[in-house]
Amino acid sequence: MARRRNIFAPREAAIQAAVLEHWLNFGVPGSLVAAIPNAFAHGQAGLTRGLFDLIVITPQLGDRTGWLEIKADDGSLGVAQRWFKSLLIDRSVPFAVTYGRDQPIEVLELWGAVRPQRVAA
């Protein structure tokens, strides 16, 4: 049985836009969070199916580049994305597959791309 989509949950494009806006407002100097404009890469020259949504470069990651895949709450990886994930694992490249609006921000905080927004009580 297919999962039903929550019609009130944000779509991936809206989540990605919000994550990029968050980095623009709270980004750590010397970091970069950039979109990979690869949606619907169906054989177009220069596009590679399966690449994750965002590339992340931060002082904390050093000479390593992180990859971030953003999924809606009910999303799942496609075949090409699973292949890309395997490639990243094989090469020990930092990556995360995130769901919803909060998880990508948590990863960016963990990787040192944005200043933490939560204050410990």
PDB file of N, CA and C in Angstrom:
ATOM      1  N   MET A   1       0.844  -1.171   0.000  1.00  0.00           N
ATOM      2  CA  MET A   1       0.000   0.000   0.000  1.00  0.00           C
ATOM      3  C   MET A   1       0.891   1.236   0.000  1.00  0.00           C
ATOM      4  N   ALA A   2       0.613   2.205  -0.850  1.00  0.00           N
ATOM      5  CA  ALA A   2       1.394   3.435  -0.941  1.00  0.00           C
ATOM      6  C   ALA A   2       1.097   4.333   0.260  1.00  0.00           C
ATOM      7  N   ARG A   3       2.155   5.041   0.686  1.00  0.00           N
ATOM      8  CA  ARG A   3       1.958   5.987   1.773  1.00  0.00           C
ATOM      9  C   ARG A   3       1.199   7.205   1.268  1.00  0.00           C
ATOM     10  N   ARG A   4       0.340   7.733   2.104  1.00  0.00           N
ATOM     11  CA  ARG A   4      -0.404   8.933   1.741  1.00  0.00           C
ATOM     12  C   ARG A   4       0.414  10.152   2.117  1.00  0.00           C
ATOM     13  N   ARG A   5       0.452  11.110   1.230  1.00  0.00           N
ATOM     14  CA  ARG A   5       1.193  12.337   1.464  1.00  0.00           C
ATOM     15  C   ARG A   5       0.378  13.276   2.338  1.00  0.00           C
ATOM     16  N   ASN A   6       1.027  13.854   3.333  1.00  0.00           N
ATOM     17  CA  ASN A   6       0.411  14.875   4.163  1.00  0.00           C
ATOM     18  C   ASN A   6       0.328  16.146   3.321  1.00  0.00           C
ATOM     19  N   ILE A   7      -0.863  16.565   2.965  1.00  0.00           N
ATOM     20  CA  ILE A   7      -1.006  17.708   2.059  1.00  0.00           C
ATOM     21  C   ILE A   7      -0.521  19.015   2.683  1.00  0.00           C
ATOM     22  N   PHE A   8      -0.335  19.032   3.995  1.00  0.00           N
ATOM     23  CA  PHE A   8       0.138  20.240   4.664  1.00  0.00           C
ATOM     24  C   PHE A   8       1.650  20.244   4.865  1.00  0.00           C
ATOM     25  N   ALA A   9       2.303  19.132   4.606  1.00  0.00           N
ATOM     26  CA  ALA A   9       3.757  19.054   4.751  1.00  0.00           C
ATOM     27  C   ALA A   9       4.421  19.771   3.575  1.00  0.00           C
ATOM     28  N   PRO A  10       5.529  20.476   3.841  1.00  0.00           N
ATOM     29  CA  PRO A  10       6.200  21.174   2.740  1.00  0.00           C
ATOM     30  C   PRO A  10       6.840  20.205   1.758  1.00  0.00           C
ATOM     31  N   ARG A  11       6.865  20.589   0.516  1.00  0.00           N
ATOM     32  CA  ARG A  11       7.521  19.805  -0.529  1.00  0.00           C
ATOM     33  C   ARG A  11       9.024  20.043  -0.474  1.00  0.00           C
ATOM     34  N   GLU A  12       9.773  19.152  -1.133  1.00  0.00           N
ATOM     35  CA  GLU A  12      11.236  19.221  -1.092  1.00  0.00           C
ATOM     36  C   GLU A  12      11.769  20.564  -1.563  1.00  0.00           C
ATOM     37  N   ALA A  13      11.216  21.122  -2.614  1.00  0.00           N
ATOM     38  CA  ALA A  13      11.705  22.404  -3.132  1.00  0.00           C
ATOM     39  C   ALA A  13      11.553  23.512  -2.093  1.00  0.00           C
ATOM     40  N   ALA A  14      10.441  23.509  -1.362  1.00  0.00           N
ATOM     41  CA  ALA A  14      10.222  24.521  -0.327  1.00  0.00           C
ATOM     42  C   ALA A  14      11.182  24.322   0.840  1.00  0.00           C
ATOM     43  N   ILE A  15      11.436  23.064   1.201  1.00  0.00           N
ATOM     44  CA  ILE A  15      12.381  22.780   2.279  1.00  0.00           C
ATOM     45  C   ILE A  15      13.774  23.242   1.871  1.00  0.00           C
ATOM     46  N   GLN A  16      14.186  22.907   0.643  1.00  0.00           N
ATOM     47  CA  GLN A  16      15.511  23.310   0.172  1.00  0.00           C
ATOM     48  C   GLN A  16      15.655  24.828   0.191  1.00  0.00           C
ATOM     49  N   ALA A  17      14.653  25.543  -0.278  1.00  0.00           N
ATOM     50  CA  ALA A  17      14.702  27.003  -0.277  1.00  0.00           C
ATOM     51  C   ALA A  17      14.837  27.543   1.149  1.00  0.00           C
ATOM     52  N   ALA A  18      14.112  26.952   2.090  1.00  0.00           N
ATOM     53  CA  ALA A  18      14.184  27.392   3.482  1.00  0.00           C
ATOM     54  C   ALA A  18      15.556  27.100   4.089  1.00  0.00           C
ATOM     55  N   VAL A  19      16.145  25.954   3.750  1.00  0.00           N
ATOM     56  CA  VAL A  19      17.468  25.598   4.264  1.00  0.00           C
ATOM     57  C   VAL A  19      18.524  26.567   3.725  1.00  0.00           C
ATOM     58  N   LEU A  20      18.454  26.876   2.443  1.00  0.00           N
ATOM     59  CA  LEU A  20      19.406  27.826   1.864  1.00  0.00           C
ATOM     60  C   LEU A  20      19.233  29.215   2.476  1.00  0.00           C
ATOM     61  N   GLU A  21      18.010  29.630   2.700  1.00  0.00           N
ATOM     62  CA  GLU A  21      17.740  30.918   3.346  1.00  0.00           C
ATOM     63  C   GLU A  21      18.305  30.927   4.772  1.00  0.00           C
ATOM     64  N   HIS A  22      18.155  29.813   5.477  1.00  0.00           N
ATOM     65  CA  HIS A  22      18.697  29.695   6.836  1.00  0.00           C
ATOM     66  C   HIS A  22      20.219  29.868   6.809  1.00  0.00           C
ATOM     67  N   TRP A  23      20.881  29.227   5.854  1.00  0.00           N
ATOM     68  CA  TRP A  23      22.338  29.373   5.756  1.00  0.00           C
ATOM     69  C   TRP A  23      22.710  30.831   5.447  1.00  0.00           C
ATOM     70  N   LEU A  24      21.955  31.474   4.552  1.00  0.00           N
ATOM     71  CA  LEU A  24      22.250  32.874   4.234  1.00  0.00           C
ATOM     72  C   LEU A  24      22.157  33.763   5.477  1.00  0.00           C
ATOM     73  N   ASN A  25      21.228  33.450   6.368  1.00  0.00           N
ATOM     74  CA  ASN A  25      21.031  34.260   7.572  1.00  0.00           C
ATOM     75  C   ASN A  25      21.937  33.874   8.731  1.00  0.00           C
ATOM     76  N   PHE A  26      22.282  32.598   8.843  1.00  0.00           N
ATOM     77  CA  PHE A  26      23.011  32.113  10.024  1.00  0.00           C
ATOM     78  C   PHE A  26      24.296  31.378   9.675  1.00  0.00           C
ATOM     79  N   GLY A  27      24.745  31.496   8.432  1.00  0.00           N
ATOM     80  CA  GLY A  27      25.928  30.769   7.985  1.00  0.00           C
ATOM     81  C   GLY A  27      27.200  31.201   8.700  1.00  0.00           C
ATOM     82  N   VAL A  28      28.080  30.255   8.895  1.00  0.00           N
ATOM     83  CA  VAL A  28      29.383  30.483   9.508  1.00  0.00           C
ATOM     84  C   VAL A  28      30.324  31.031   8.431  1.00  0.00           C
ATOM     85  N   PRO A  29      31.108  32.072   8.755  1.00  0.00           N
ATOM     86  CA  PRO A  29      32.069  32.573   7.766  1.00  0.00           C
ATOM     87  C   PRO A  29      32.994  31.444   7.281  1.00  0.00           C
ATOM     88  N   GLY A  30      33.279  31.465   6.010  1.00  0.00           N
ATOM     89  CA  GLY A  30      34.136  30.432   5.426  1.00  0.00           C
ATOM     90  C   GLY A  30      33.397  29.166   5.046  1.00  0.00           C
ATOM     91  N   SER A  31      32.058  29.192   5.139  1.00  0.00           N
ATOM     92  CA  SER A  31      31.270  28.017   4.747  1.00  0.00           C
ATOM     93  C   SER A  31      30.502  28.328   3.470  1.00  0.00           C
ATOM     94  N   LEU A  32      30.067  27.260   2.813  1.00  0.00           N
ATOM     95  CA  LEU A  32      29.250  27.377   1.613  1.00  0.00           C
ATOM     96  C   LEU A  32      28.226  26.258   1.618  1.00  0.00           C
ATOM     97  N   VAL A  33      26.987  26.619   1.371  1.00  0.00           N
ATOM     98  CA  VAL A  33      25.918  25.647   1.148  1.00  0.00           C
ATOM     99  C   VAL A  33      25.290  26.044  -0.181  1.00  0.00           C
ATOM    100  N   ALA A  34      25.371  25.163  -1.168  1.00  0.00           N
ATOM    101  CA  ALA A  34      24.922  25.504  -2.509  1.00  0.00           C
ATOM    102  C   ALA A  34      24.072  24.386  -3.092  1.00  0.00           C
ATOM    103  N   ALA A  35      23.082  24.794  -3.868  1.00  0.00           N
ATOM    104  CA  ALA A  35      22.184  23.838  -4.520  1.00  0.00           C
ATOM    105  C   ALA A  35      22.845  23.235  -5.742  1.00  0.00           C
ATOM    106  N   ILE A  36      22.552  21.972  -5.972  1.00  0.00           N
ATOM    107  CA  ILE A  36      22.937  21.278  -7.191  1.00  0.00           C
ATOM    108  C   ILE A  36      21.687  21.283  -8.080  1.00  0.00           C
ATOM    109  N   PRO A  37      21.647  22.130  -9.109  1.00  0.00           N
ATOM    110  CA  PRO A  37      20.422  22.252  -9.918  1.00  0.00           C
ATOM    111  C   PRO A  37      20.279  21.068 -10.869  1.00  0.00           C
ATOM    112  N   ASN A  38      19.912  19.947 -10.307  1.00  0.00           N
ATOM    113  CA  ASN A  38      19.943  18.690 -11.037  1.00  0.00           C
ATOM    114  C   ASN A  38      18.576  18.019 -11.099  1.00  0.00           C
ATOM    115  N   ALA A  39      17.552  18.706 -10.630  1.00  0.00           N
ATOM    116  CA  ALA A  39      16.217  18.099 -10.618  1.00  0.00           C
ATOM    117  C   ALA A  39      15.807  17.720 -12.034  1.00  0.00           C
ATOM    118  N   PHE A  40      15.247  16.582 -12.165  1.00  0.00           N
ATOM    119  CA  PHE A  40      14.757  16.076 -13.451  1.00  0.00           C
ATOM    120  C   PHE A  40      15.870  15.966 -14.483  1.00  0.00           C
ATOM    121  N   ALA A  41      17.049  15.501 -14.048  1.00  0.00           N
ATOM    122  CA  ALA A  41      18.188  15.314 -14.952  1.00  0.00           C
ATOM    123  C   ALA A  41      17.943  14.061 -15.784  1.00  0.00           C
ATOM    124  N   HIS A  42      17.371  14.230 -16.927  1.00  0.00           N
ATOM    125  CA  HIS A  42      17.029  13.103 -17.783  1.00  0.00           C
ATOM    126  C   HIS A  42      17.865  13.143 -19.057  1.00  0.00           C
ATOM    127  N   GLY A  43      19.152  12.888 -18.921  1.00  0.00           N
ATOM    128  CA  GLY A  43      20.011  12.816 -20.087  1.00  0.00           C
ATOM    129  C   GLY A  43      20.467  14.154 -20.630  1.00  0.00           C
ATOM    130  N   GLN A  44      20.202  15.237 -19.900  1.00  0.00           N
ATOM    131  CA  GLN A  44      20.646  16.547 -20.356  1.00  0.00           C
ATOM    132  C   GLN A  44      22.150  16.662 -20.151  1.00  0.00           C
ATOM    133  N   ALA A  45      22.821  17.254 -21.100  1.00  0.00           N
ATOM    134  CA  ALA A  45      24.281  17.390 -21.025  1.00  0.00           C
ATOM    135  C   ALA A  45      24.684  18.108 -19.742  1.00  0.00           C
ATOM    136  N   GLY A  46      25.675  17.522 -19.050  1.00  0.00           N
ATOM    137  CA  GLY A  46      26.209  18.132 -17.842  1.00  0.00           C
ATOM    138  C   GLY A  46      25.477  17.788 -16.564  1.00  0.00           C
ATOM    139  N   LEU A  47      24.352  17.120 -16.647  1.00  0.00           N
ATOM    140  CA  LEU A  47      23.592  16.756 -15.455  1.00  0.00           C
ATOM    141  C   LEU A  47      23.761  15.267 -15.171  1.00  0.00           C
ATOM    142  N   THR A  48      23.840  14.938 -13.898  1.00  0.00           N
ATOM    143  CA  THR A  48      24.019  13.557 -13.471  1.00  0.00           C
ATOM    144  C   THR A  48      22.886  13.176 -12.537  1.00  0.00           C
ATOM    145  N   ARG A  49      22.110  12.205 -12.915  1.00  0.00           N
ATOM    146  CA  ARG A  49      21.003  11.750 -12.067  1.00  0.00           C
ATOM    147  C   ARG A  49      21.530  11.220 -10.744  1.00  0.00           C
ATOM    148  N   GLY A  50      20.790  11.506  -9.691  1.00  0.00           N
ATOM    149  CA  GLY A  50      21.094  10.939  -8.391  1.00  0.00           C
ATOM    150  C   GLY A  50      21.929  11.812  -7.471  1.00  0.00           C
ATOM    151  N   LEU A  51      22.549  12.870  -8.003  1.00  0.00           N
ATOM    152  CA  LEU A  51      23.328  13.729  -7.117  1.00  0.00           C
ATOM    153  C   LEU A  51      22.427  14.301  -6.041  1.00  0.00           C
ATOM    154  N   PHE A  52      22.963  14.447  -4.842  1.00  0.00           N
ATOM    155  CA  PHE A  52      22.179  14.986  -3.741  1.00  0.00           C
ATOM    156  C   PHE A  52      21.920  16.473  -3.959  1.00  0.00           C
ATOM    157  N   ASP A  53      21.009  17.042  -3.182  1.00  0.00           N
ATOM    158  CA  ASP A  53      20.495  18.391  -3.406  1.00  0.00           C
ATOM    159  C   ASP A  53      21.487  19.509  -3.115  1.00  0.00           C
ATOM    160  N   LEU A  54      22.256  19.363  -2.029  1.00  0.00           N
ATOM    161  CA  LEU A  54      23.126  20.451  -1.591  1.00  0.00           C
ATOM    162  C   LEU A  54      24.555  19.965  -1.399  1.00  0.00           C
ATOM    163  N   ILE A  55      25.492  20.840  -1.720  1.00  0.00           N
ATOM    164  CA  ILE A  55      26.901  20.595  -1.443  1.00  0.00           C
ATOM    165  C   ILE A  55      27.273  21.517  -0.284  1.00  0.00           C
ATOM    166  N   VAL A  56      28.047  21.002   0.662  1.00  0.00           N
ATOM    167  CA  VAL A  56      28.355  21.740   1.882  1.00  0.00           C
ATOM    168  C   VAL A  56      29.862  21.744   2.106  1.00  0.00           C
ATOM    169  N   ILE A  57      30.417  22.950   2.210  1.00  0.00           N
ATOM    170  CA  ILE A  57      31.841  23.127   2.484  1.00  0.00           C
ATOM    171  C   ILE A  57      31.944  23.975   3.745  1.00  0.00           C
ATOM    172  N   THR A  58      32.674  23.473   4.735  1.00  0.00           N
ATOM    173  CA  THR A  58      32.813  24.209   5.994  1.00  0.00           C
ATOM    174  C   THR A  58      34.226  24.045   6.539  1.00  0.00           C
ATOM    175  N   PRO A  59      34.671  25.006   7.353  1.00  0.00           N
ATOM    176  CA  PRO A  59      35.967  24.841   8.009  1.00  0.00           C
ATOM    177  C   PRO A  59      36.013  23.570   8.860  1.00  0.00           C
ATOM    178  N   GLN A  60      34.900  23.231   9.489  1.00  0.00           N
ATOM    179  CA  GLN A  60      34.856  22.055  10.367  1.00  0.00           C
ATOM    180  C   GLN A  60      35.070  20.754   9.600  1.00  0.00           C
ATOM    181  N   LEU A  61      34.599  20.688   8.353  1.00  0.00           N
ATOM    182  CA  LEU A  61      34.807  19.484   7.547  1.00  0.00           C
ATOM    183  C   LEU A  61      36.202  19.447   6.935  1.00  0.00           C
ATOM    184  N   GLY A  62      36.930  20.551   7.033  1.00  0.00           N
ATOM    185  CA  GLY A  62      38.293  20.592   6.510  1.00  0.00           C
ATOM    186  C   GLY A  62      38.313  20.448   4.999  1.00  0.00           C
ATOM    187  N   ASP A  63      39.130  19.514   4.516  1.00  0.00           N
ATOM    188  CA  ASP A  63      39.254  19.338   3.066  1.00  0.00           C
ATOM    189  C   ASP A  63      38.196  18.389   2.504  1.00  0.00           C
ATOM    190  N   ARG A  64      37.215  18.042   3.299  1.00  0.00           N
ATOM    191  CA  ARG A  64      36.146  17.150   2.850  1.00  0.00           C
ATOM    192  C   ARG A  64      34.905  17.966   2.508  1.00  0.00           C
ATOM    193  N   THR A  65      34.173  17.530   1.528  1.00  0.00           N
ATOM    194  CA  THR A  65      32.942  18.185   1.094  1.00  0.00           C
ATOM    195  C   THR A  65      31.764  17.315   1.484  1.00  0.00           C
ATOM    196  N   GLY A  66      30.770  17.917   2.111  1.00  0.00           N
ATOM    197  CA  GLY A  66      29.580  17.186   2.508  1.00  0.00           C
ATOM    198  C   GLY A  66      28.483  17.289   1.460  1.00  0.00           C
ATOM    199  N   TRP A  67      27.654  16.280   1.417  1.00  0.00           N
ATOM    200  CA  TRP A  67      26.511  16.228   0.507  1.00  0.00           C
ATOM    201  C   TRP A  67      25.253  16.030   1.328  1.00  0.00           C
ATOM    202  N   LEU A  68      24.227  16.786   1.016  1.00  0.00           N
ATOM    203  CA  LEU A  68      22.988  16.741   1.780  1.00  0.00           C
ATOM    204  C   LEU A  68      21.815  16.491   0.838  1.00  0.00           C
ATOM    205  N   GLU A  69      21.073  15.428   1.115  1.00  0.00           N
ATOM    206  CA  GLU A  69      19.858  15.130   0.351  1.00  0.00           C
ATOM    207  C   GLU A  69      18.663  15.515   1.210  1.00  0.00           C
ATOM    208  N   ILE A  70      17.768  16.264   0.629  1.00  0.00           N
ATOM    209  CA  ILE A  70      16.579  16.735   1.337  1.00  0.00           C
ATOM    210  C   ILE A  70      15.372  15.977   0.811  1.00  0.00           C
ATOM    211  N   LYS A  71      14.621  15.423   1.734  1.00  0.00           N
ATOM    212  CA  LYS A  71      13.401  14.696   1.388  1.00  0.00           C
ATOM    213  C   LYS A  71      12.236  15.265   2.192  1.00  0.00           C
ATOM    214  N   ALA A  72      11.061  15.259   1.594  1.00  0.00           N
ATOM    215  CA  ALA A  72       9.853  15.564   2.345  1.00  0.00           C
ATOM    216  C   ALA A  72       9.667  14.452   3.379  1.00  0.00           C
ATOM    217  N   ASP A  73       8.802  14.686   4.336  1.00  0.00           N
ATOM    218  CA  ASP A  73       8.598  13.705   5.410  1.00  0.00           C
ATOM    219  C   ASP A  73       8.308  12.309   4.885  1.00  0.00           C
ATOM    220  N   ASP A  74       7.648  12.212   3.747  1.00  0.00           N
ATOM    221  CA  ASP A  74       7.261  10.914   3.215  1.00  0.00           C
ATOM    222  C   ASP A  74       8.126  10.489   2.024  1.00  0.00           C
ATOM    223  N   GLY A  75       9.253  11.173   1.807  1.00  0.00           N
ATOM    224  CA  GLY A  75      10.094  10.899   0.650  1.00  0.00           C
ATOM    225  C   GLY A  75      10.959   9.657   0.814  1.00  0.00           C
ATOM    226  N   SER A  76      11.517   9.202  -0.304  1.00  0.00           N
ATOM    227  CA  SER A  76      12.446   8.075  -0.286  1.00  0.00           C
ATOM    228  C   SER A  76      13.452   8.260  -1.416  1.00  0.00           C
ATOM    229  N   LEU A  77      14.602   7.615  -1.293  1.00  0.00           N
ATOM    230  CA  LEU A  77      15.648   7.717  -2.300  1.00  0.00           C
ATOM    231  C   LEU A  77      15.276   6.919  -3.539  1.00  0.00           C
ATOM    232  N   GLY A  78      15.575   7.494  -4.694  1.00  0.00           N
ATOM    233  CA  GLY A  78      15.392   6.787  -5.948  1.00  0.00           C
ATOM    234  C   GLY A  78      16.597   5.898  -6.227  1.00  0.00           C
ATOM    235  N   VAL A  79      16.537   5.141  -7.289  1.00  0.00           N
ATOM    236  CA  VAL A  79      17.613   4.213  -7.648  1.00  0.00           C
ATOM    237  C   VAL A  79      18.934   4.946  -7.839  1.00  0.00           C
ATOM    238  N   ALA A  80      18.940   6.029  -8.609  1.00  0.00           N
ATOM    239  CA  ALA A  80      20.176   6.774  -8.857  1.00  0.00           C
ATOM    240  C   ALA A  80      20.715   7.395  -7.572  1.00  0.00           C
ATOM    241  N   GLN A  81      19.823   7.842  -6.702  1.00  0.00           N
ATOM    242  CA  GLN A  81      20.266   8.406  -5.422  1.00  0.00           C
ATOM    243  C   GLN A  81      20.852   7.332  -4.516  1.00  0.00           C
ATOM    244  N   ARG A  82      20.316   6.130  -4.552  1.00  0.00           N
ATOM    245  CA  ARG A  82      20.892   5.042  -3.760  1.00  0.00           C
ATOM    246  C   ARG A  82      22.283   4.690  -4.282  1.00  0.00           C
ATOM    247  N   TRP A  83      22.476   4.711  -5.610  1.00  0.00           N
ATOM    248  CA  TRP A  83      23.800   4.482  -6.186  1.00  0.00           C
ATOM    249  C   TRP A  83      24.776   5.561  -5.707  1.00  0.00           C
ATOM    250  N   PHE A  84      24.347   6.831  -5.748  1.00  0.00           N
ATOM    251  CA  PHE A  84      25.217   7.927  -5.323  1.00  0.00           C
ATOM    252  C   PHE A  84      25.559   7.796  -3.837  1.00  0.00           C
ATOM    253  N   LYS A  85      24.586   7.424  -3.028  1.00  0.00           N
ATOM    254  CA  LYS A  85      24.826   7.205  -1.592  1.00  0.00           C
ATOM    255  C   LYS A  85      25.882   6.122  -1.401  1.00  0.00           C
ATOM    256  N   SER A  86      25.798   5.035  -2.141  1.00  0.00           N
ATOM    257  CA  SER A  86      26.795   3.957  -2.046  1.00  0.00           C
ATOM    258  C   SER A  86      28.184   4.456  -2.421  1.00  0.00           C
ATOM    259  N   LEU A  87      28.256   5.288  -3.454  1.00  0.00           N
ATOM    260  CA  LEU A  87      29.535   5.869  -3.856  1.00  0.00           C
ATOM    261  C   LEU A  87      30.124   6.713  -2.726  1.00  0.00           C
ATOM    262  N   LEU A  88      29.290   7.516  -2.091  1.00  0.00           N
ATOM    263  CA  LEU A  88      29.756   8.347  -0.979  1.00  0.00           C
ATOM    264  C   LEU A  88      30.245   7.486   0.185  1.00  0.00           C
ATOM    265  N   ILE A  89      29.513   6.433   0.490  1.00  0.00           N
ATOM    266  CA  ILE A  89      29.919   5.522   1.573  1.00  0.00           C
ATOM    267  C   ILE A  89      31.251   4.869   1.229  1.00  0.00           C
ATOM    268  N   ASP A  90      31.388   4.374   0.002  1.00  0.00           N
ATOM    269  CA  ASP A  90      32.630   3.713  -0.422  1.00  0.00           C
ATOM    270  C   ASP A  90      33.838   4.631  -0.321  1.00  0.00           C
ATOM    271  N   ARG A  91      33.628   5.939  -0.533  1.00  0.00           N
ATOM    272  CA  ARG A  91      34.729   6.906  -0.519  1.00  0.00           C
ATOM    273  C   ARG A  91      34.845   7.643   0.811  1.00  0.00           C
ATOM    274  N   SER A  92      34.047   7.267   1.810  1.00  0.00           N
ATOM    275  CA  SER A  92      34.034   7.914   3.130  1.00  0.00           C
ATOM    276  C   SER A  92      33.785   9.419   3.044  1.00  0.00           C
ATOM    277  N   VAL A  93      32.874   9.792   2.158  1.00  0.00           N
ATOM    278  CA  VAL A  93      32.513  11.193   1.985  1.00  0.00           C
ATOM    279  C   VAL A  93      31.354  11.513   2.930  1.00  0.00           C
ATOM    280  N   PRO A  94      31.433  12.628   3.658  1.00  0.00           N
ATOM    281  CA  PRO A  94      30.334  12.990   4.565  1.00  0.00           C
ATOM    282  C   PRO A  94      29.044  13.250   3.784  1.00  0.00           C
ATOM    283  N   PHE A  95      27.948  12.679   4.260  1.00  0.00           N
ATOM    284  CA  PHE A  95      26.648  12.910   3.631  1.00  0.00           C
ATOM    285  C   PHE A  95      25.563  12.679   4.663  1.00  0.00           C
ATOM    286  N   ALA A  96      24.386  13.194   4.338  1.00  0.00           N
ATOM    287  CA  ALA A  96      23.210  12.931   5.163  1.00  0.00           C
ATOM    288  C   ALA A  96      21.987  12.956   4.262  1.00  0.00           C
ATOM    289  N   VAL A  97      21.067  12.063   4.533  1.00  0.00           N
ATOM    290  CA  VAL A  97      19.747  12.078   3.921  1.00  0.00           C
ATOM    291  C   VAL A  97      18.809  12.554   5.014  1.00  0.00           C
ATOM    292  N   THR A  98      18.142  13.684   4.773  1.00  0.00           N
ATOM    293  CA  THR A  98      17.328  14.298   5.809  1.00  0.00           C
ATOM    294  C   THR A  98      15.867  14.355   5.375  1.00  0.00           C
ATOM    295  N   TYR A  99      14.995  14.417   6.369  1.00  0.00           N
ATOM    296  CA  TYR A  99      13.556  14.442   6.129  1.00  0.00           C
ATOM    297  C   TYR A  99      12.954  15.634   6.858  1.00  0.00           C
ATOM    298  N   GLY A 100      12.084  16.354   6.161  1.00  0.00           N
ATOM    299  CA  GLY A 100      11.408  17.491   6.773  1.00  0.00           C
ATOM    300  C   GLY A 100      12.285  18.728   6.837  1.00  0.00           C
ATOM    301  N   ARG A 101      11.821  19.727   7.540  1.00  0.00           N
ATOM    302  CA  ARG A 101      12.488  21.024   7.609  1.00  0.00           C
ATOM    303  C   ARG A 101      13.593  21.073   8.655  1.00  0.00           C
ATOM    304  N   ASP A 102      13.467  20.376   9.767  1.00  0.00           N
ATOM    305  CA  ASP A 102      14.416  20.515  10.870  1.00  0.00           C
ATOM    306  C   ASP A 102      15.691  19.694  10.689  1.00  0.00           C
ATOM    307  N   GLN A 103      15.598  18.490  10.148  1.00  0.00           N
ATOM    308  CA  GLN A 103      16.783  17.634  10.042  1.00  0.00           C
ATOM    309  C   GLN A 103      17.919  18.252   9.228  1.00  0.00           C
ATOM    310  N   PRO A 104      17.655  18.882   8.077  1.00  0.00           N
ATOM    311  CA  PRO A 104      18.787  19.457   7.343  1.00  0.00           C
ATOM    312  C   PRO A 104      19.497  20.562   8.132  1.00  0.00           C
ATOM    313  N   ILE A 105      18.742  21.347   8.886  1.00  0.00           N
ATOM    314  CA  ILE A 105      19.348  22.400   9.704  1.00  0.00           C
ATOM    315  C   ILE A 105      20.213  21.780  10.794  1.00  0.00           C
ATOM    316  N   GLU A 106      19.734  20.700  11.404  1.00  0.00           N
ATOM    317  CA  GLU A 106      20.522  20.014  12.432  1.00  0.00           C
ATOM    318  C   GLU A 106      21.848  19.507  11.861  1.00  0.00           C
ATOM    319  N   VAL A 107      21.821  18.968  10.640  1.00  0.00           N
ATOM    320  CA  VAL A 107      23.054  18.489  10.003  1.00  0.00           C
ATOM    321  C   VAL A 107      23.986  19.659   9.720  1.00  0.00           C
ATOM    322  N   LEU A 108      23.452  20.764   9.209  1.00  0.00           N
ATOM    323  CA  LEU A 108      24.298  21.928   8.944  1.00  0.00           C
ATOM    324  C   LEU A 108      24.918  22.469  10.227  1.00  0.00           C
ATOM    325  N   GLU A 109      24.195  22.413  11.331  1.00  0.00           N
ATOM    326  CA  GLU A 109      24.767  22.803  12.626  1.00  0.00           C
ATOM    327  C   GLU A 109      25.883  21.834  13.021  1.00  0.00           C
ATOM    328  N   LEU A 110      25.633  20.536  12.875  1.00  0.00           N
ATOM    329  CA  LEU A 110      26.618  19.515  13.223  1.00  0.00           C
ATOM    330  C   LEU A 110      27.890  19.668  12.389  1.00  0.00           C
ATOM    331  N   TRP A 111      27.748  19.967  11.112  1.00  0.00           N
ATOM    332  CA  TRP A 111      28.891  20.116  10.218  1.00  0.00           C
ATOM    333  C   TRP A 111      29.548  21.494  10.329  1.00  0.00           C
ATOM    334  N   GLY A 112      28.964  22.384  11.122  1.00  0.00           N
ATOM    335  CA  GLY A 112      29.561  23.706  11.329  1.00  0.00           C
ATOM    336  C   GLY A 112      29.300  24.687  10.210  1.00  0.00           C
ATOM    337  N   ALA A 113      28.242  24.504   9.439  1.00  0.00           N
ATOM    338  CA  ALA A 113      27.922  25.443   8.356  1.00  0.00           C
ATOM    339  C   ALA A 113      27.060  26.594   8.834  1.00  0.00           C
ATOM    340  N   VAL A 114      26.270  26.366   9.889  1.00  0.00           N
ATOM    341  CA  VAL A 114      25.426  27.414  10.463  1.00  0.00           C
ATOM    342  C   VAL A 114      25.599  27.457  11.971  1.00  0.00           C
ATOM    343  N   ARG A 115      25.376  28.631  12.525  1.00  0.00           N
ATOM    344  CA  ARG A 115      25.431  28.780  13.974  1.00  0.00           C
ATOM    345  C   ARG A 115      24.246  28.055  14.608  1.00  0.00           C
ATOM    346  N   PRO A 116      24.475  27.343  15.703  1.00  0.00           N
ATOM    347  CA  PRO A 116      23.360  26.660  16.378  1.00  0.00           C
ATOM    348  C   PRO A 116      22.306  27.664  16.837  1.00  0.00           C
ATOM    349  N   GLN A 117      21.044  27.311  16.675  1.00  0.00           N
ATOM    350  CA  GLN A 117      19.941  28.184  17.053  1.00  0.00           C
ATOM    351  C   GLN A 117      19.324  27.792  18.383  1.00  0.00           C
ATOM    352  N   ARG A 118      19.594  26.585  18.849  1.00  0.00           N
ATOM    353  CA  ARG A 118      19.023  26.124  20.110  1.00  0.00           C
ATOM    354  C   ARG A 118      19.933  26.505  21.262  1.00  0.00           C
ATOM    355  N   VAL A 119      19.334  27.013  22.310  1.00  0.00           N
ATOM    356  CA  VAL A 119      20.090  27.362  23.505  1.00  0.00           C
ATOM    357  C   VAL A 119      19.757  26.353  24.584  1.00  0.00           C
ATOM    358  N   ALA A 120      20.788  25.755  25.187  1.00  0.00           N
ATOM    359  CA  ALA A 120      20.567  24.756  26.243  1.00  0.00           C
ATOM    360  C   ALA A 120      19.909  25.417  27.443  1.00  0.00           C
ATOM    361  N   ALA A 121      18.950  24.704  28.043  1.00  0.00           N
ATOM    362  CA  ALA A 121      18.241  25.256  29.211  1.00  0.00           C
ATOM    363  C   ALA A 121      19.038  25.037  30.466  1.00  0.00           C
TER     364      ALA A 121
END
